Amino acid sequence: MSQECFVLLPRDGLSVKDGRGWYTSEVGRGYSHPWPLPTTVRGALRAAWGQDLMTTQPGVRMTPEEWEQRSAGVKLTRFVALRRSLAESPFKQGHRMWPFPADAVLVGGERGAVGRVEQLLPRRPAMGRAATTLGPDEDAAREGLWHPRRASKGKPASAPRFWSEAEMVRWLLGHAVAIPRELSPEQRTDVHVSIHPDRQTAEDTMLHSRQVVELLRLEREGETAPRAVEWALGLCCEQPTRDSVRGFPSGVLGLGGRRRLTNVEPVTPDLFACPPEFQPKGTKGLRLVLATPASFVRGWLPDGFDQDGAVYVGTLPEVSGPVVLRAALVPRAQDVSAWDMVKKEPRRTRRWVPAGAVYFFEKLRGEDFTAEELRALWLASWGGGHEEALGQVLPGVWTPPPASGA
């Protein structure tokens, strides 16, 4: 099995359309996801793999149906965001960026500034005061989940989309994090006009715009001079065993809407490994932060978990023994639409648990999660869609509150 690890460096922004209108020129405005989806990146890799295969193997030509079948073995196994100064090279672990976790909240301070970062910690429900939820089944287990409460007053502030590697490692180890800077790619709006193919003039009422995520930008910190920063997509992929292409990918890739050109820079698998700074001790509670969106059969409830009385019990990858799901901090579901390039029609819309969601666990028999189990969970795959790098997690320590009277 051949595995390649490289970084994609978009040079003209990215536009990854969401489901609000398939034809931009007809609806007037095209909306882009704020960050490319793993599905989009894997689709671009499958297209590039097919082109490389036909280029490097004389006589090989594939129909759209054959391409659909043979490229299914191209799997995306790692998918992380990266950010570095243009003056730095090569990419390293310190350049990784992670989705802002749902168990963190920024609290506003004076004059609109962010005052502090607080952690949302689930609390045991008081006797007879469990939350009431709506649902056709499993009410006892769902309503038995623990809910977090803020420890202090203050108005929540807008959260950044990403945290840096250093901030996320501190957060996973249970340490305090300083007020983060706003680190997110910006969006720009490109305006287009449709041209009549016969007259070669602009068509009336066909002025339209498209959101584009800009990945090259100038950033200023305090009173220092601005510096150029680039965002990138770090990934690893596997090729089909029978049709492996040497040197894949062979050149620039087309990615997202309008197939915008993207440079390729090779990296080593170490870029995706567990960092040496992450050295947790054994812990009674475990947090799992989704580094990529997750696809679970039953929506927010992780695969492999079932109701057992008033709790959900199941198993986790790399963890010995059954565990109890204590709390789930899950933002609004992410709806994902896609286009079938072979059938020329929309694919079935899917609903994912968004990156940044946080789940809390205890072992059923009360044992500790070991340091080895936590390090083994770094970017472990959870749920479905492993071929699209879905459901990859970051492990964190958690200290469950003592039982009443303990």
Foldseek 3Di string as FASTA:
>chain_A
DDKFWWWWFFDPFFFFFFDPDDDQLVVFETEGDQDDALVQVLVLQLVLLVVLLPVVDDPDDDDLVRSVVQSVQKFWQDKWKFKDFPVDDDDAQQRTKFFAALQKWFFADPPRHTDFIDGFAFAFADVPRFDADDDDDLRLAVSRATGTDDPDDGDTDDDAGIDTSVQVLCVQAPHGHGDDDRDGFDKDKDKDFDADPPVRHGDPPRIHIYIGGDFWDWDDDPPDDTTIMGMIMITMIDHPPVRDRPPPPVAWTQGHPPRRTIGIGGDDPNSQAQDPVNQHAWAQKKKKFWRAWAAAPVAQDFPQWDDDRNWIWGDDPLFPAIKTWRHKSFPDWDWGKDADPNVRGIDDIGTIGGGNIMTMIGHPVRDTTGSSSQSVLQQDATHDDSSSSHRGIHMGHDHHDDDPPD
